[in-house]
Amino acid sequence: MRREVSNGGAVRSEATGRSYAGAVSAVDLSFRHRFRPARGLPQTGGTTRIGYDGRLRVRSEDGARSEDGAIRLSEADLGGPLGERATLVQFSTAFCQPCRATRRVLAEVAGMVEGVAHLDVDAEARLELVRRLGIARTPTVLVLDAGGRVVRRAAGMPRRADVIAALGRAVG
C-alpha cells in the first residue's frame, strides 16, 4: 500500500483514499490498530508473547497432577535420571532455533550448581507427555525439585538469571 504526503502534513493513502491529518501518519495509525490488544478478549500471540516469552512462572495443568495437587514427573516419564537437588527439563524439537540457545543456557546453569541435572526431551517423540503437560510450543522449560515436582515453567527462551532464580526456589 502506497501513501502520499500532501500539503499541511496530511497523509493520504492511495489504496483507500483516506486522509490523516496532524503529526500521526497513516503508518502509525495502522500499526496501532493492528497491535492494540482487544479489551475483554483472551490475548494470545503477538503482543502478549513479547511480555511473557521465556518467563518462569507457576502454571497449573489438570492432566498431570498427583494426589496432593502438585505436578510430579518421574524418571520413567522423562526418560532420564532426575538430579539429586533439582532438574531442568527442556522440551524441544529438531527444527527449533531458540531451543539450541536454551540448551546452552540450561547446560551452563546445571554445570554451575552441584546436584542439578539437565534433560532435553524431544517433544515430537514424547507427544503423550507433551499433551498431558499442556505444552503448546518449544522450547518449554520445567524446573523440578528433588522429588520431581514442577516448581516453575517457561514457554520460550528463558534468561539465565531467571533460570538461576527458579533453581534457587527448587533447591531451597
N, C-alpha and C. Protein backbone atom coordinates (compact mmCIF):
# COMPACT_ATOMS: atom_id res chain seq x y z
N MET A 1 0.85 -1.17 0.00
CA MET A 1 0.00 0.00 0.00
C MET A 1 0.89 1.23 0.00
N ARG A 2 0.68 2.15 -0.95
CA ARG A 2 1.48 3.36 -1.05
C ARG A 2 0.77 4.52 -0.39
N ARG A 3 1.54 5.38 0.24
CA ARG A 3 0.97 6.56 0.89
C ARG A 3 1.67 7.80 0.36
N GLU A 4 0.91 8.91 0.25
CA GLU A 4 1.47 10.17 -0.22
C GLU A 4 1.30 11.22 0.86
N VAL A 5 2.25 12.13 0.94
CA VAL A 5 2.12 13.24 1.87
C VAL A 5 1.70 14.46 1.06
N SER A 6 0.62 15.08 1.49
CA SER A 6 0.14 16.28 0.78
C SER A 6 0.50 17.51 1.59
N ASN A 7 0.05 18.68 1.13
CA ASN A 7 0.35 19.94 1.82
C ASN A 7 -0.26 19.95 3.22
N GLY A 8 0.44 20.59 4.15
CA GLY A 8 -0.08 20.72 5.50
C GLY A 8 0.24 19.53 6.39
N GLY A 9 1.02 18.58 5.91
CA GLY A 9 1.41 17.45 6.74
C GLY A 9 0.40 16.32 6.78
N ALA A 10 -0.67 16.41 6.00
CA ALA A 10 -1.67 15.34 5.99
C ALA A 10 -1.15 14.18 5.16
N VAL A 11 -1.52 12.98 5.53
CA VAL A 11 -1.10 11.78 4.82
C VAL A 11 -2.33 11.17 4.18
N ARG A 12 -2.22 10.84 2.87
CA ARG A 12 -3.34 10.23 2.16
C ARG A 12 -2.91 8.89 1.59
N SER A 13 -3.73 7.88 1.80
CA SER A 13 -3.46 6.55 1.28
C SER A 13 -4.05 6.44 -0.12
N GLU A 14 -3.24 6.01 -1.07
CA GLU A 14 -3.74 5.85 -2.44
C GLU A 14 -4.71 4.67 -2.54
N ALA A 15 -4.49 3.65 -1.75
CA ALA A 15 -5.33 2.45 -1.83
C ALA A 15 -6.72 2.70 -1.29
N THR A 16 -6.83 3.40 -0.16
CA THR A 16 -8.14 3.60 0.46
C THR A 16 -8.72 4.98 0.19
N GLY A 17 -7.86 5.94 -0.13
CA GLY A 17 -8.33 7.30 -0.36
C GLY A 17 -8.54 8.09 0.93
N ARG A 18 -8.24 7.50 2.08
CA ARG A 18 -8.41 8.19 3.36
C ARG A 18 -7.27 9.16 3.61
N SER A 19 -7.59 10.26 4.26
CA SER A 19 -6.58 11.25 4.64
C SER A 19 -6.46 11.28 6.15
N TYR A 20 -5.24 11.41 6.62
CA TYR A 20 -4.95 11.51 8.05
C TYR A 20 -4.20 12.80 8.27
N ALA A 21 -4.71 13.69 9.09
CA ALA A 21 -4.08 14.97 9.34
C ALA A 21 -3.33 14.93 10.66
N GLY A 22 -2.45 15.91 10.86
CA GLY A 22 -1.75 16.02 12.14
C GLY A 22 -0.40 15.33 12.10
N ALA A 23 0.17 15.16 13.29
CA ALA A 23 1.52 14.62 13.42
C ALA A 23 1.55 13.10 13.27
N VAL A 24 0.42 12.43 13.37
CA VAL A 24 0.39 10.98 13.28
C VAL A 24 0.20 10.58 11.83
N SER A 25 1.06 9.69 11.36
CA SER A 25 0.96 9.27 9.96
C SER A 25 0.04 8.07 9.84
N ALA A 26 -0.30 7.73 8.62
CA ALA A 26 -1.16 6.58 8.37
C ALA A 26 -0.47 5.29 8.78
N VAL A 27 0.85 5.25 8.65
CA VAL A 27 1.61 4.07 9.06
C VAL A 27 1.46 3.87 10.56
N ASP A 28 1.58 4.96 11.33
CA ASP A 28 1.42 4.87 12.79
C ASP A 28 0.04 4.38 13.15
N LEU A 29 -0.98 4.90 12.48
CA LEU A 29 -2.35 4.50 12.81
C LEU A 29 -2.61 3.04 12.49
N SER A 30 -2.11 2.57 11.35
CA SER A 30 -2.35 1.17 11.01
C SER A 30 -1.58 0.25 11.95
N PHE A 31 -0.38 0.66 12.38
CA PHE A 31 0.39 -0.14 13.33
C PHE A 31 -0.32 -0.23 14.67
N ARG A 32 -0.80 0.89 15.15
CA ARG A 32 -1.50 0.91 16.43
C ARG A 32 -2.77 0.06 16.38
N HIS A 33 -3.48 0.12 15.27
CA HIS A 33 -4.73 -0.63 15.16
C HIS A 33 -4.47 -2.14 15.15
N ARG A 34 -3.43 -2.57 14.44
CA ARG A 34 -3.14 -4.00 14.34
C ARG A 34 -2.63 -4.60 15.63
N PHE A 35 -1.82 -3.87 16.39
CA PHE A 35 -1.17 -4.44 17.55
C PHE A 35 -1.77 -4.01 18.88
N ARG A 36 -2.88 -3.35 18.87
CA ARG A 36 -3.55 -2.97 20.10
C ARG A 36 -4.35 -4.18 20.58
N PRO A 37 -4.16 -4.63 21.85
CA PRO A 37 -4.91 -5.78 22.33
C PRO A 37 -6.39 -5.45 22.47
N ALA A 38 -7.24 -6.40 22.11
CA ALA A 38 -8.68 -6.22 22.25
C ALA A 38 -9.07 -6.30 23.71
N ARG A 39 -10.00 -5.47 24.13
CA ARG A 39 -10.42 -5.47 25.53
C ARG A 39 -11.42 -6.58 25.77
N GLY A 40 -11.25 -7.30 26.87
CA GLY A 40 -12.19 -8.32 27.25
C GLY A 40 -11.99 -9.66 26.56
N LEU A 41 -11.06 -9.74 25.64
CA LEU A 41 -10.80 -10.99 24.93
C LEU A 41 -9.50 -11.60 25.43
N PRO A 42 -9.38 -12.92 25.41
CA PRO A 42 -8.10 -13.53 25.80
C PRO A 42 -7.02 -13.12 24.81
N GLN A 43 -5.85 -12.73 25.33
CA GLN A 43 -4.78 -12.26 24.47
C GLN A 43 -3.84 -13.41 24.17
N THR A 44 -3.83 -13.86 22.94
CA THR A 44 -2.94 -14.94 22.55
C THR A 44 -2.13 -14.50 21.35
N GLY A 45 -0.83 -14.76 21.39
CA GLY A 45 0.04 -14.45 20.27
C GLY A 45 0.53 -13.03 20.31
N GLY A 46 1.20 -12.59 19.28
CA GLY A 46 1.66 -11.24 19.03
C GLY A 46 2.16 -10.48 20.24
N THR A 47 1.35 -9.52 20.68
CA THR A 47 1.80 -8.60 21.72
C THR A 47 1.98 -9.26 23.07
N THR A 48 1.16 -10.21 23.43
CA THR A 48 1.29 -10.82 24.75
C THR A 48 2.49 -11.76 24.81
N ARG A 49 2.86 -12.38 23.72
CA ARG A 49 4.01 -13.28 23.72
C ARG A 49 5.27 -12.51 24.05
N ILE A 50 5.37 -11.28 23.62
CA ILE A 50 6.54 -10.47 23.91
C ILE A 50 6.68 -10.29 25.42
N GLY A 51 5.58 -10.07 26.10
CA GLY A 51 5.63 -9.84 27.53
C GLY A 51 5.87 -11.08 28.35
N TYR A 52 5.45 -12.23 27.89
CA TYR A 52 5.55 -13.45 28.68
C TYR A 52 6.57 -14.45 28.16
N ASP A 53 7.20 -14.19 27.05
CA ASP A 53 8.11 -15.14 26.44
C ASP A 53 9.32 -15.39 27.33
N GLY A 54 9.51 -16.65 27.72
CA GLY A 54 10.67 -17.04 28.49
C GLY A 54 10.57 -16.79 29.98
N ARG A 55 9.46 -16.28 30.48
CA ARG A 55 9.32 -16.02 31.91
C ARG A 55 8.98 -17.30 32.64
N LEU A 56 9.70 -17.55 33.71
CA LEU A 56 9.45 -18.74 34.52
C LEU A 56 8.35 -18.42 35.51
N ARG A 57 7.25 -19.16 35.45
CA ARG A 57 6.12 -18.92 36.33
C ARG A 57 5.44 -20.24 36.66
N VAL A 58 4.56 -20.20 37.63
CA VAL A 58 3.81 -21.38 38.01
C VAL A 58 2.56 -21.45 37.16
N ARG A 59 2.28 -22.63 36.61
CA ARG A 59 1.09 -22.81 35.79
C ARG A 59 0.47 -24.15 36.15
N SER A 60 -0.83 -24.21 36.21
CA SER A 60 -1.48 -25.46 36.61
C SER A 60 -1.98 -26.21 35.39
N GLU A 61 -1.67 -27.49 35.35
CA GLU A 61 -2.18 -28.39 34.33
C GLU A 61 -2.95 -29.48 35.04
N ASP A 62 -4.18 -29.70 34.68
CA ASP A 62 -5.02 -30.66 35.38
C ASP A 62 -4.62 -32.10 35.08
N GLY A 63 -4.14 -32.38 33.89
CA GLY A 63 -3.88 -33.75 33.49
C GLY A 63 -2.63 -34.37 34.08
N ALA A 64 -1.79 -33.60 34.79
CA ALA A 64 -0.53 -34.14 35.30
C ALA A 64 -0.43 -34.04 36.82
N ARG A 65 -1.51 -33.80 37.50
CA ARG A 65 -1.48 -33.61 38.96
C ARG A 65 -1.49 -34.93 39.70
N SER A 66 -0.78 -34.97 40.82
CA SER A 66 -0.79 -36.14 41.69
C SER A 66 -1.86 -35.94 42.77
N GLU A 67 -1.91 -36.85 43.74
CA GLU A 67 -2.95 -36.81 44.76
C GLU A 67 -2.91 -35.54 45.60
N ASP A 68 -1.71 -35.01 45.89
CA ASP A 68 -1.59 -33.81 46.73
C ASP A 68 -1.78 -32.52 45.94
N GLY A 69 -2.07 -32.60 44.65
CA GLY A 69 -2.33 -31.43 43.84
C GLY A 69 -1.12 -30.88 43.11
N ALA A 70 0.07 -31.42 43.38
CA ALA A 70 1.29 -30.94 42.73
C ALA A 70 1.53 -31.73 41.44
N ILE A 71 2.18 -31.10 40.51
CA ILE A 71 2.55 -31.76 39.26
C ILE A 71 3.88 -32.45 39.50
N ARG A 72 3.93 -33.77 39.34
CA ARG A 72 5.16 -34.53 39.57
C ARG A 72 5.50 -35.36 38.33
N LEU A 73 6.79 -35.39 38.02
CA LEU A 73 7.28 -36.19 36.90
C LEU A 73 8.34 -37.15 37.42
N SER A 74 8.34 -38.35 36.90
CA SER A 74 9.30 -39.36 37.33
C SER A 74 10.36 -39.57 36.25
N GLU A 75 11.35 -40.39 36.59
CA GLU A 75 12.39 -40.73 35.61
C GLU A 75 11.79 -41.48 34.43
N ALA A 76 10.76 -42.29 34.69
CA ALA A 76 10.09 -43.02 33.61
C ALA A 76 9.37 -42.06 32.66
N ASP A 77 8.77 -41.01 33.20
CA ASP A 77 8.09 -40.01 32.37
C ASP A 77 9.07 -39.30 31.45
N LEU A 78 10.23 -38.92 32.00
CA LEU A 78 11.18 -38.08 31.27
C LEU A 78 12.20 -38.88 30.46
N GLY A 79 12.37 -40.15 30.78
CA GLY A 79 13.32 -40.96 30.04
C GLY A 79 14.76 -40.72 30.43
N GLY A 80 15.01 -40.23 31.63
CA GLY A 80 16.36 -39.99 32.11
C GLY A 80 16.35 -39.77 33.61
N PRO A 81 17.53 -39.81 34.22
CA PRO A 81 17.60 -39.67 35.68
C PRO A 81 17.37 -38.23 36.13
N LEU A 82 16.67 -38.08 37.25
CA LEU A 82 16.47 -36.77 37.87
C LEU A 82 17.72 -36.39 38.65
N GLY A 83 17.93 -35.10 38.85
CA GLY A 83 19.06 -34.63 39.63
C GLY A 83 18.84 -34.85 41.11
N GLU A 84 19.92 -34.87 41.88
CA GLU A 84 19.81 -35.06 43.33
C GLU A 84 19.10 -33.90 44.00
N ARG A 85 19.38 -32.68 43.53
CA ARG A 85 18.79 -31.49 44.14
C ARG A 85 17.68 -30.87 43.30
N ALA A 86 17.85 -30.89 41.98
CA ALA A 86 16.85 -30.30 41.07
C ALA A 86 17.12 -30.79 39.65
N THR A 87 16.14 -30.58 38.78
CA THR A 87 16.27 -30.99 37.37
C THR A 87 15.71 -29.89 36.48
N LEU A 88 16.44 -29.57 35.42
CA LEU A 88 15.99 -28.64 34.40
C LEU A 88 15.57 -29.47 33.19
N VAL A 89 14.29 -29.42 32.85
CA VAL A 89 13.76 -30.22 31.75
C VAL A 89 13.39 -29.27 30.61
N GLN A 90 13.92 -29.57 29.43
CA GLN A 90 13.63 -28.76 28.24
C GLN A 90 12.90 -29.62 27.23
N PHE A 91 11.75 -29.16 26.77
CA PHE A 91 11.03 -29.80 25.67
C PHE A 91 11.39 -29.03 24.41
N SER A 92 11.97 -29.72 23.43
CA SER A 92 12.41 -29.06 22.21
C SER A 92 12.10 -29.92 21.00
N THR A 93 12.29 -29.33 19.84
CA THR A 93 12.12 -30.04 18.57
C THR A 93 13.38 -29.83 17.73
N ALA A 94 13.54 -30.64 16.71
CA ALA A 94 14.75 -30.60 15.89
C ALA A 94 14.88 -29.30 15.10
N PHE A 95 13.78 -28.71 14.68
CA PHE A 95 13.83 -27.53 13.81
C PHE A 95 13.80 -26.21 14.59
N CYS A 96 13.76 -26.25 15.90
CA CYS A 96 13.59 -25.06 16.74
C CYS A 96 14.92 -24.35 16.97
N GLN A 97 15.06 -23.13 16.47
CA GLN A 97 16.29 -22.36 16.64
C GLN A 97 16.49 -21.89 18.08
N PRO A 98 15.47 -21.35 18.77
CA PRO A 98 15.68 -20.93 20.17
C PRO A 98 15.99 -22.10 21.10
N CYS A 99 15.65 -23.32 20.69
CA CYS A 99 15.93 -24.50 21.52
C CYS A 99 17.43 -24.70 21.70
N ARG A 100 18.20 -24.37 20.68
CA ARG A 100 19.66 -24.54 20.77
C ARG A 100 20.26 -23.59 21.79
N ALA A 101 19.83 -22.35 21.76
CA ALA A 101 20.34 -21.37 22.73
C ALA A 101 19.87 -21.71 24.14
N THR A 102 18.63 -22.17 24.26
CA THR A 102 18.11 -22.57 25.57
C THR A 102 18.89 -23.75 26.12
N ARG A 103 19.23 -24.69 25.26
CA ARG A 103 20.01 -25.86 25.67
C ARG A 103 21.36 -25.44 26.24
N ARG A 104 22.00 -24.45 25.61
CA ARG A 104 23.29 -23.95 26.11
C ARG A 104 23.14 -23.29 27.47
N VAL A 105 22.11 -22.46 27.62
CA VAL A 105 21.88 -21.75 28.89
C VAL A 105 21.61 -22.74 30.01
N LEU A 106 20.75 -23.72 29.77
CA LEU A 106 20.42 -24.70 30.81
C LEU A 106 21.62 -25.58 31.17
N ALA A 107 22.43 -25.94 30.18
CA ALA A 107 23.61 -26.74 30.45
C ALA A 107 24.61 -25.96 31.30
N GLU A 108 24.77 -24.66 31.02
CA GLU A 108 25.68 -23.82 31.82
C GLU A 108 25.19 -23.72 33.26
N VAL A 109 23.90 -23.48 33.45
CA VAL A 109 23.35 -23.33 34.80
C VAL A 109 23.44 -24.66 35.55
N ALA A 110 23.14 -25.77 34.88
CA ALA A 110 23.24 -27.08 35.52
C ALA A 110 24.69 -27.39 35.91
N GLY A 111 25.65 -26.93 35.13
CA GLY A 111 27.06 -27.12 35.46
C GLY A 111 27.53 -26.26 36.61
N MET A 112 26.87 -25.14 36.85
CA MET A 112 27.25 -24.24 37.93
C MET A 112 26.83 -24.77 39.30
N VAL A 113 25.71 -25.47 39.38
CA VAL A 113 25.15 -25.91 40.65
C VAL A 113 25.29 -27.42 40.76
N GLU A 114 25.89 -27.87 41.83
CA GLU A 114 26.09 -29.30 42.03
C GLU A 114 24.77 -30.00 42.35
N GLY A 115 24.56 -31.16 41.77
CA GLY A 115 23.35 -31.94 42.01
C GLY A 115 22.18 -31.57 41.13
N VAL A 116 22.41 -30.75 40.11
CA VAL A 116 21.35 -30.34 39.19
C VAL A 116 21.58 -31.03 37.85
N ALA A 117 20.54 -31.66 37.33
CA ALA A 117 20.61 -32.35 36.05
C ALA A 117 19.85 -31.56 34.99
N HIS A 118 20.27 -31.72 33.74
CA HIS A 118 19.59 -31.09 32.61
C HIS A 118 19.15 -32.20 31.66
N LEU A 119 17.84 -32.28 31.41
CA LEU A 119 17.30 -33.26 30.48
C LEU A 119 16.67 -32.55 29.30
N ASP A 120 16.98 -33.02 28.10
CA ASP A 120 16.39 -32.48 26.89
C ASP A 120 15.44 -33.53 26.33
N VAL A 121 14.16 -33.22 26.31
CA VAL A 121 13.13 -34.16 25.86
C VAL A 121 12.67 -33.75 24.47
N ASP A 122 12.69 -34.69 23.53
CA ASP A 122 12.20 -34.43 22.18
C ASP A 122 10.67 -34.42 22.21
N ALA A 123 10.08 -33.28 21.96
CA ALA A 123 8.62 -33.13 22.05
C ALA A 123 7.89 -33.98 21.01
N GLU A 124 8.49 -34.16 19.85
CA GLU A 124 7.85 -34.96 18.81
C GLU A 124 7.81 -36.44 19.17
N ALA A 125 8.83 -36.91 19.85
CA ALA A 125 8.88 -38.32 20.24
C ALA A 125 8.04 -38.62 21.48
N ARG A 126 7.76 -37.61 22.29
CA ARG A 126 7.03 -37.81 23.55
C ARG A 126 5.72 -37.04 23.54
N LEU A 127 4.91 -37.23 22.50
CA LEU A 127 3.66 -36.48 22.34
C LEU A 127 2.67 -36.73 23.47
N GLU A 128 2.65 -37.92 24.02
CA GLU A 128 1.73 -38.22 25.13
C GLU A 128 2.04 -37.34 26.34
N LEU A 129 3.33 -37.22 26.67
CA LEU A 129 3.75 -36.38 27.79
C LEU A 129 3.50 -34.90 27.49
N VAL A 130 3.75 -34.49 26.27
CA VAL A 130 3.53 -33.10 25.86
C VAL A 130 2.05 -32.74 26.02
N ARG A 131 1.17 -33.61 25.60
CA ARG A 131 -0.27 -33.35 25.73
C ARG A 131 -0.70 -33.34 27.19
N ARG A 132 -0.15 -34.27 27.96
CA ARG A 132 -0.52 -34.37 29.38
C ARG A 132 -0.11 -33.12 30.16
N LEU A 133 1.03 -32.54 29.79
CA LEU A 133 1.52 -31.34 30.47
C LEU A 133 0.98 -30.05 29.86
N GLY A 134 0.31 -30.13 28.72
CA GLY A 134 -0.24 -28.94 28.08
C GLY A 134 0.82 -28.05 27.46
N ILE A 135 1.84 -28.63 26.89
CA ILE A 135 2.92 -27.86 26.26
C ILE A 135 2.49 -27.51 24.85
N ALA A 136 2.47 -26.20 24.56
CA ALA A 136 1.97 -25.72 23.27
C ALA A 136 3.07 -25.27 22.33
N ARG A 137 4.28 -24.99 22.84
CA ARG A 137 5.35 -24.51 21.97
C ARG A 137 6.70 -24.92 22.52
N THR A 138 7.70 -24.84 21.67
CA THR A 138 9.06 -25.16 22.08
C THR A 138 9.92 -23.92 21.91
N PRO A 139 10.91 -23.72 22.73
CA PRO A 139 11.25 -24.53 23.88
C PRO A 139 10.34 -24.23 25.08
N THR A 140 10.03 -25.26 25.82
CA THR A 140 9.35 -25.10 27.11
C THR A 140 10.27 -25.70 28.15
N VAL A 141 10.51 -24.95 29.23
CA VAL A 141 11.42 -25.37 30.28
C VAL A 141 10.64 -25.59 31.56
N LEU A 142 10.87 -26.74 32.20
CA LEU A 142 10.29 -27.05 33.50
C LEU A 142 11.42 -27.15 34.50
N VAL A 143 11.24 -26.55 35.67
CA VAL A 143 12.20 -26.66 36.76
C VAL A 143 11.58 -27.57 37.81
N LEU A 144 12.23 -28.70 38.08
CA LEU A 144 11.73 -29.69 39.03
C LEU A 144 12.58 -29.69 40.28
N ASP A 145 11.94 -29.93 41.43
CA ASP A 145 12.71 -30.09 42.66
C ASP A 145 13.23 -31.51 42.75
N ALA A 146 13.83 -31.89 43.89
CA ALA A 146 14.43 -33.21 44.04
C ALA A 146 13.41 -34.34 43.93
N GLY A 147 12.15 -34.08 44.30
CA GLY A 147 11.11 -35.09 44.22
C GLY A 147 10.40 -35.16 42.88
N GLY A 148 10.80 -34.34 41.93
CA GLY A 148 10.18 -34.35 40.60
C GLY A 148 8.97 -33.44 40.49
N ARG A 149 8.72 -32.59 41.48
CA ARG A 149 7.59 -31.67 41.46
C ARG A 149 7.95 -30.45 40.63
N VAL A 150 7.05 -30.04 39.74
CA VAL A 150 7.28 -28.86 38.89
C VAL A 150 7.15 -27.61 39.74
N VAL A 151 8.25 -26.86 39.84
CA VAL A 151 8.30 -25.64 40.63
C VAL A 151 8.02 -24.43 39.75
N ARG A 152 8.61 -24.38 38.57
CA ARG A 152 8.44 -23.29 37.64
C ARG A 152 8.38 -23.83 36.22
N ARG A 153 7.83 -22.98 35.32
CA ARG A 153 7.67 -23.35 33.92
C ARG A 153 7.84 -22.11 33.06
N ALA A 154 8.49 -22.26 31.91
CA ALA A 154 8.66 -21.15 30.97
C ALA A 154 8.41 -21.64 29.56
N ALA A 155 7.62 -20.90 28.80
CA ALA A 155 7.43 -21.16 27.38
C ALA A 155 8.23 -20.12 26.63
N GLY A 156 9.19 -20.57 25.85
CA GLY A 156 10.09 -19.66 25.18
C GLY A 156 11.46 -19.72 25.83
N MET A 157 12.39 -18.95 25.30
CA MET A 157 13.75 -18.99 25.80
C MET A 157 13.89 -18.16 27.07
N PRO A 158 14.20 -18.79 28.21
CA PRO A 158 14.34 -18.04 29.45
C PRO A 158 15.72 -17.39 29.55
N ARG A 159 15.79 -16.33 30.35
CA ARG A 159 17.08 -15.69 30.61
C ARG A 159 17.83 -16.49 31.67
N ARG A 160 19.15 -16.41 31.64
CA ARG A 160 19.98 -17.14 32.59
C ARG A 160 19.65 -16.75 34.03
N ALA A 161 19.45 -15.48 34.29
CA ALA A 161 19.15 -15.02 35.65
C ALA A 161 17.82 -15.59 36.15
N ASP A 162 16.83 -15.69 35.27
CA ASP A 162 15.54 -16.26 35.66
C ASP A 162 15.66 -17.75 35.97
N VAL A 163 16.48 -18.47 35.21
CA VAL A 163 16.68 -19.90 35.47
C VAL A 163 17.37 -20.09 36.81
N ILE A 164 18.36 -19.26 37.11
CA ILE A 164 19.07 -19.38 38.39
C ILE A 164 18.12 -19.08 39.55
N ALA A 165 17.27 -18.06 39.40
CA ALA A 165 16.31 -17.73 40.45
C ALA A 165 15.30 -18.85 40.67
N ALA A 166 14.80 -19.44 39.59
CA ALA A 166 13.85 -20.55 39.70
C ALA A 166 14.52 -21.78 40.30
N LEU A 167 15.78 -21.98 39.96
CA LEU A 167 16.53 -23.09 40.52
C LEU A 167 16.74 -22.90 42.02
N GLY A 168 16.91 -21.67 42.44
CA GLY A 168 17.01 -21.36 43.87
C GLY A 168 15.76 -21.75 44.63
N ARG A 169 14.60 -21.54 44.02
CA ARG A 169 13.34 -21.97 44.66
C ARG A 169 13.23 -23.47 44.73
N ALA A 170 13.70 -24.16 43.70
CA ALA A 170 13.61 -25.62 43.67
C ALA A 170 14.55 -26.25 44.67
N VAL A 171 15.74 -25.69 44.82
CA VAL A 171 16.74 -26.26 45.71
C VAL A 171 16.47 -25.86 47.16
N GLY A 172 16.06 -24.60 47.35
CA GLY A 172 15.88 -24.07 48.71
C GLY A 172 14.58 -24.32 49.30
